[in-house]
Amino acid sequence: MSTDKEKKEQDGNISIKVNSTSALNPEDKALLKFGEEILVKSVETAKEFAKTMITLITGLFAAYFAILKFLGAETILDEPVQDLIIVGIPPILFIISILTFVLSLMPASGKMSLNRLEDIKKIRDDSLNFKRKSIIAGTIFFIIGLVIMLIVNITLLK
């Protein structure tokens, strides 16, 4: 039997919401499974992304100096100080980006009781928010560094 009304049942301290008494169709089951995977794997996904970006940026950091050398940047020391500063900005931004990604790998902190779901949810939400903000900051520093690196390299090609 299916109803559109929400029913609430009380069983001691547990509150149960029943949206429908009909069996779930396969699409709804798949959506519930997808939602569960997102809930469970979101912290791990953020960690894996941060680790991948750290590896990528570390490699790009080394490649930047190799590209500069290939493009003849040894002569840049004869250029004005402004040019030296511009050439030095990408590595600094890459280092800041790496640090923000490392920061996103920090474990969750705070007090929680395993008997209180609210505590666990708050720690999880706070941890995900911190990781998300760190990842966004790291990505922004990376993109700005990458754009300036491309400008420097194009300028050296001329």
C-alpha atoms as a PDB file:
ATOM      1  CA  MET A   1       0.000   0.000   0.000  1.00  0.00           C
ATOM      2  CA  SER A   2       1.401   3.378  -1.005  1.00  0.00           C
ATOM      3  CA  THR A   3       0.647   6.748   0.573  1.00  0.00           C
ATOM      4  CA  ASP A   4       1.890  10.244  -0.180  1.00  0.00           C
ATOM      5  CA  LYS A   5       1.553  11.367   3.445  1.00  0.00           C
ATOM      6  CA  GLU A   6       4.511  11.156   5.813  1.00  0.00           C
ATOM      7  CA  LYS A   7       3.942   8.991   8.834  1.00  0.00           C
ATOM      8  CA  LYS A   8       5.926   9.315  12.024  1.00  0.00           C
ATOM      9  CA  GLU A   9       6.251   6.462  14.399  1.00  0.00           C
ATOM     10  CA  GLN A  10       7.849   6.583  17.827  1.00  0.00           C
ATOM     11  CA  ASP A  11       9.782   3.577  19.120  1.00  0.00           C
ATOM     12  CA  GLY A  12      11.357   4.580  22.412  1.00  0.00           C
ATOM     13  CA  ASN A  13      13.838   7.352  21.488  1.00  0.00           C
ATOM     14  CA  ILE A  14      13.984   6.509  17.788  1.00  0.00           C
ATOM     15  CA  SER A  15      11.911   8.524  15.347  1.00  0.00           C
ATOM     16  CA  ILE A  16      11.169   6.916  11.982  1.00  0.00           C
ATOM     17  CA  LYS A  17       9.818   8.754   8.952  1.00  0.00           C
ATOM     18  CA  VAL A  18       7.925   6.714   6.409  1.00  0.00           C
ATOM     19  CA  ASN A  19       7.484   8.494   3.090  1.00  0.00           C
ATOM     20  CA  SER A  20       5.913   5.579   1.284  1.00  0.00           C
ATOM     21  CA  THR A  21       5.042   2.031   2.105  1.00  0.00           C
ATOM     22  CA  SER A  22       5.540   0.786  -1.446  1.00  0.00           C
ATOM     23  CA  ALA A  23       8.670  -1.097  -2.465  1.00  0.00           C
ATOM     24  CA  LEU A  24      11.435   0.975  -4.017  1.00  0.00           C
ATOM     25  CA  ASN A  25      11.804   0.681  -7.751  1.00  0.00           C
ATOM     26  CA  PRO A  26      15.278  -0.175  -9.157  1.00  0.00           C
ATOM     27  CA  GLU A  27      16.020   3.465 -10.046  1.00  0.00           C
ATOM     28  CA  ASP A  28      15.312   4.643  -6.498  1.00  0.00           C
ATOM     29  CA  LYS A  29      17.436   1.818  -5.082  1.00  0.00           C
ATOM     30  CA  ALA A  30      20.308   2.867  -7.350  1.00  0.00           C
ATOM     31  CA  LEU A  31      19.907   6.505  -6.274  1.00  0.00           C
ATOM     32  CA  LEU A  32      19.963   5.515  -2.603  1.00  0.00           C
ATOM     33  CA  LYS A  33      23.098   3.437  -3.176  1.00  0.00           C
ATOM     34  CA  PHE A  34      24.682   6.384  -5.023  1.00  0.00           C
ATOM     35  CA  GLY A  35      23.810   8.724  -2.150  1.00  0.00           C
ATOM     36  CA  GLU A  36      25.286   6.300   0.367  1.00  0.00           C
ATOM     37  CA  GLU A  37      28.528   6.059  -1.647  1.00  0.00           C
ATOM     38  CA  ILE A  38      28.802   9.848  -1.793  1.00  0.00           C
ATOM     39  CA  LEU A  39      28.227  10.093   1.948  1.00  0.00           C
ATOM     40  CA  VAL A  40      30.785   7.423   2.787  1.00  0.00           C
ATOM     41  CA  LYS A  41      33.456   8.113   0.160  1.00  0.00           C
ATOM     42  CA  SER A  42      33.485  11.933   0.058  1.00  0.00           C
ATOM     43  CA  VAL A  43      36.339  12.295   2.555  1.00  0.00           C
ATOM     44  CA  GLU A  44      38.420   9.679   0.731  1.00  0.00           C
ATOM     45  CA  THR A  45      37.722  11.339  -2.630  1.00  0.00           C
ATOM     46  CA  ALA A  46      38.958  14.695  -1.296  1.00  0.00           C
ATOM     47  CA  LYS A  47      42.115  13.034   0.069  1.00  0.00           C
ATOM     48  CA  GLU A  48      42.863  11.289  -3.224  1.00  0.00           C
ATOM     49  CA  PHE A  49      42.365  14.509  -5.180  1.00  0.00           C
ATOM     50  CA  ALA A  50      44.731  16.388  -2.870  1.00  0.00           C
ATOM     51  CA  LYS A  51      47.374  13.657  -3.149  1.00  0.00           C
ATOM     52  CA  THR A  52      47.100  13.693  -6.949  1.00  0.00           C
ATOM     53  CA  MET A  53      47.455  17.472  -7.067  1.00  0.00           C
ATOM     54  CA  ILE A  54      50.497  17.406  -4.774  1.00  0.00           C
ATOM     55  CA  THR A  55      52.185  14.926  -7.122  1.00  0.00           C
ATOM     56  CA  LEU A  56      51.202  16.918 -10.224  1.00  0.00           C
ATOM     57  CA  ILE A  57      52.362  20.273  -8.880  1.00  0.00           C
ATOM     58  CA  THR A  58      55.631  18.843  -7.549  1.00  0.00           C
ATOM     59  CA  GLY A  59      56.405  17.518 -11.029  1.00  0.00           C
ATOM     60  CA  LEU A  60      55.384  20.785 -12.653  1.00  0.00           C
ATOM     61  CA  PHE A  61      57.567  22.697 -10.203  1.00  0.00           C
ATOM     62  CA  ALA A  62      60.638  20.776 -11.400  1.00  0.00           C
ATOM     63  CA  ALA A  63      59.558  20.967 -15.048  1.00  0.00           C
ATOM     64  CA  TYR A  64      59.180  24.754 -14.820  1.00  0.00           C
ATOM     65  CA  PHE A  65      62.886  25.225 -14.158  1.00  0.00           C
ATOM     66  CA  ALA A  66      63.789  22.763 -16.915  1.00  0.00           C
ATOM     67  CA  ILE A  67      61.591  24.692 -19.354  1.00  0.00           C
ATOM     68  CA  LEU A  68      63.170  27.982 -18.291  1.00  0.00           C
ATOM     69  CA  LYS A  69      66.619  26.568 -18.916  1.00  0.00           C
ATOM     70  CA  PHE A  70      65.524  25.147 -22.277  1.00  0.00           C
ATOM     71  CA  LEU A  71      64.152  28.539 -23.314  1.00  0.00           C
ATOM     72  CA  GLY A  72      67.419  30.231 -22.384  1.00  0.00           C
ATOM     73  CA  ALA A  73      66.376  31.870 -19.165  1.00  0.00           C
ATOM     74  CA  GLU A  74      69.998  32.068 -18.017  1.00  0.00           C
ATOM     75  CA  THR A  75      70.061  35.477 -19.710  1.00  0.00           C
ATOM     76  CA  ILE A  76      67.182  36.667 -17.566  1.00  0.00           C
ATOM     77  CA  LEU A  77      69.625  37.637 -14.831  1.00  0.00           C
ATOM     78  CA  ASP A  78      70.629  40.535 -17.076  1.00  0.00           C
ATOM     79  CA  GLU A  79      67.023  41.744 -17.163  1.00  0.00           C
ATOM     80  CA  PRO A  80      65.381  44.258 -14.779  1.00  0.00           C
ATOM     81  CA  VAL A  81      64.329  43.136 -11.302  1.00  0.00           C
ATOM     82  CA  GLN A  82      60.644  43.153 -12.307  1.00  0.00           C
ATOM     83  CA  ASP A  83      61.321  40.340 -14.802  1.00  0.00           C
ATOM     84  CA  LEU A  84      63.123  38.324 -12.135  1.00  0.00           C
ATOM     85  CA  ILE A  85      60.158  38.738  -9.797  1.00  0.00           C
ATOM     86  CA  ILE A  86      57.672  37.648 -12.475  1.00  0.00           C
ATOM     87  CA  VAL A  87      59.758  34.557 -13.272  1.00  0.00           C
ATOM     88  CA  GLY A  88      59.857  33.699  -9.544  1.00  0.00           C
ATOM     89  CA  ILE A  89      56.112  34.003  -8.940  1.00  0.00           C
ATOM     90  CA  PRO A  90      55.005  30.615 -10.379  1.00  0.00           C
ATOM     91  CA  PRO A  91      57.265  28.510  -8.131  1.00  0.00           C
ATOM     92  CA  ILE A  92      56.098  30.474  -5.086  1.00  0.00           C
ATOM     93  CA  LEU A  93      52.453  29.940  -6.045  1.00  0.00           C
ATOM     94  CA  PHE A  94      53.132  26.244  -6.659  1.00  0.00           C
ATOM     95  CA  ILE A  95      54.669  25.905  -3.189  1.00  0.00           C
ATOM     96  CA  ILE A  96      51.685  27.670  -1.599  1.00  0.00           C
ATOM     97  CA  SER A  97      49.371  25.403  -3.587  1.00  0.00           C
ATOM     98  CA  ILE A  98      51.192  22.277  -2.397  1.00  0.00           C
ATOM     99  CA  LEU A  99      50.975  23.500   1.203  1.00  0.00           C
ATOM    100  CA  THR A 100      47.215  24.083   0.964  1.00  0.00           C
ATOM    101  CA  PHE A 101      46.716  20.600  -0.486  1.00  0.00           C
ATOM    102  CA  VAL A 102      48.838  19.123   2.323  1.00  0.00           C
ATOM    103  CA  LEU A 103      46.681  21.089   4.772  1.00  0.00           C
ATOM    104  CA  SER A 104      43.579  19.478   3.299  1.00  0.00           C
ATOM    105  CA  LEU A 105      44.997  16.069   4.243  1.00  0.00           C
ATOM    106  CA  MET A 106      44.982  16.926   7.940  1.00  0.00           C
ATOM    107  CA  PRO A 107      42.776  14.596   9.989  1.00  0.00           C
ATOM    108  CA  ALA A 108      39.524  15.777  11.503  1.00  0.00           C
ATOM    109  CA  SER A 109      39.797  17.266  14.940  1.00  0.00           C
ATOM    110  CA  GLY A 110      37.285  17.901  17.637  1.00  0.00           C
ATOM    111  CA  LYS A 111      35.465  16.115  20.393  1.00  0.00           C
ATOM    112  CA  MET A 112      32.761  13.656  19.558  1.00  0.00           C
ATOM    113  CA  SER A 113      30.826  10.906  21.185  1.00  0.00           C
ATOM    114  CA  LEU A 114      30.180   7.782  19.147  1.00  0.00           C
ATOM    115  CA  ASN A 115      26.822   7.591  20.888  1.00  0.00           C
ATOM    116  CA  ARG A 116      25.664  10.907  19.414  1.00  0.00           C
ATOM    117  CA  LEU A 117      25.098  11.028  15.672  1.00  0.00           C
ATOM    118  CA  GLU A 118      24.980  14.828  15.804  1.00  0.00           C
ATOM    119  CA  ASP A 119      28.605  14.930  17.009  1.00  0.00           C
ATOM    120  CA  ILE A 120      29.769  12.581  14.267  1.00  0.00           C
ATOM    121  CA  LYS A 121      27.853  14.527  11.611  1.00  0.00           C
ATOM    122  CA  LYS A 122      29.284  17.846  12.819  1.00  0.00           C
ATOM    123  CA  ILE A 123      32.889  16.539  12.787  1.00  0.00           C
ATOM    124  CA  ARG A 124      32.350  15.042   9.325  1.00  0.00           C
ATOM    125  CA  ASP A 125      30.752  18.220   7.949  1.00  0.00           C
ATOM    126  CA  ASP A 126      33.439  20.456   9.468  1.00  0.00           C
ATOM    127  CA  SER A 127      36.171  18.194   8.101  1.00  0.00           C
ATOM    128  CA  LEU A 128      34.652  18.163   4.615  1.00  0.00           C
ATOM    129  CA  ASN A 129      34.181  21.941   4.636  1.00  0.00           C
ATOM    130  CA  PHE A 130      37.810  22.465   5.663  1.00  0.00           C
ATOM    131  CA  LYS A 131      39.042  20.028   3.016  1.00  0.00           C
ATOM    132  CA  ARG A 132      36.840  21.655   0.354  1.00  0.00           C
ATOM    133  CA  LYS A 133      38.078  25.164   1.172  1.00  0.00           C
ATOM    134  CA  SER A 134      41.718  24.017   1.231  1.00  0.00           C
ATOM    135  CA  ILE A 135      41.321  22.209  -2.077  1.00  0.00           C
ATOM    136  CA  ILE A 136      39.678  25.238  -3.693  1.00  0.00           C
ATOM    137  CA  ALA A 137      42.456  27.532  -2.405  1.00  0.00           C
ATOM    138  CA  GLY A 138      45.144  25.121  -3.609  1.00  0.00           C
ATOM    139  CA  THR A 139      43.517  24.860  -7.023  1.00  0.00           C
ATOM    140  CA  ILE A 140      43.291  28.652  -7.330  1.00  0.00           C
ATOM    141  CA  PHE A 141      46.977  29.101  -6.450  1.00  0.00           C
ATOM    142  CA  PHE A 142      47.856  26.335  -8.925  1.00  0.00           C
ATOM    143  CA  ILE A 143      45.841  27.875 -11.780  1.00  0.00           C
ATOM    144  CA  ILE A 144      47.253  31.369 -11.185  1.00  0.00           C
ATOM    145  CA  GLY A 145      50.788  29.935 -11.073  1.00  0.00           C
ATOM    146  CA  LEU A 146      50.118  27.967 -14.240  1.00  0.00           C
ATOM    147  CA  VAL A 147      48.818  31.038 -16.101  1.00  0.00           C
ATOM    148  CA  ILE A 148      51.817  33.148 -15.040  1.00  0.00           C
ATOM    149  CA  MET A 149      54.135  30.273 -15.976  1.00  0.00           C
ATOM    150  CA  LEU A 150      52.610  30.172 -19.462  1.00  0.00           C
ATOM    151  CA  ILE A 151      52.966  33.944 -19.819  1.00  0.00           C
ATOM    152  CA  VAL A 152      56.624  33.755 -18.774  1.00  0.00           C
ATOM    153  CA  ASN A 153      57.309  30.901 -21.180  1.00  0.00           C
ATOM    154  CA  ILE A 154      55.568  32.615 -24.084  1.00  0.00           C
ATOM    155  CA  THR A 155      57.483  35.807 -23.357  1.00  0.00           C
ATOM    156  CA  LEU A 156      60.764  33.898 -23.384  1.00  0.00           C
ATOM    157  CA  LEU A 157      59.894  32.354 -26.740  1.00  0.00           C
ATOM    158  CA  LYS A 158      59.746  35.793 -28.397  1.00  0.00           C
END
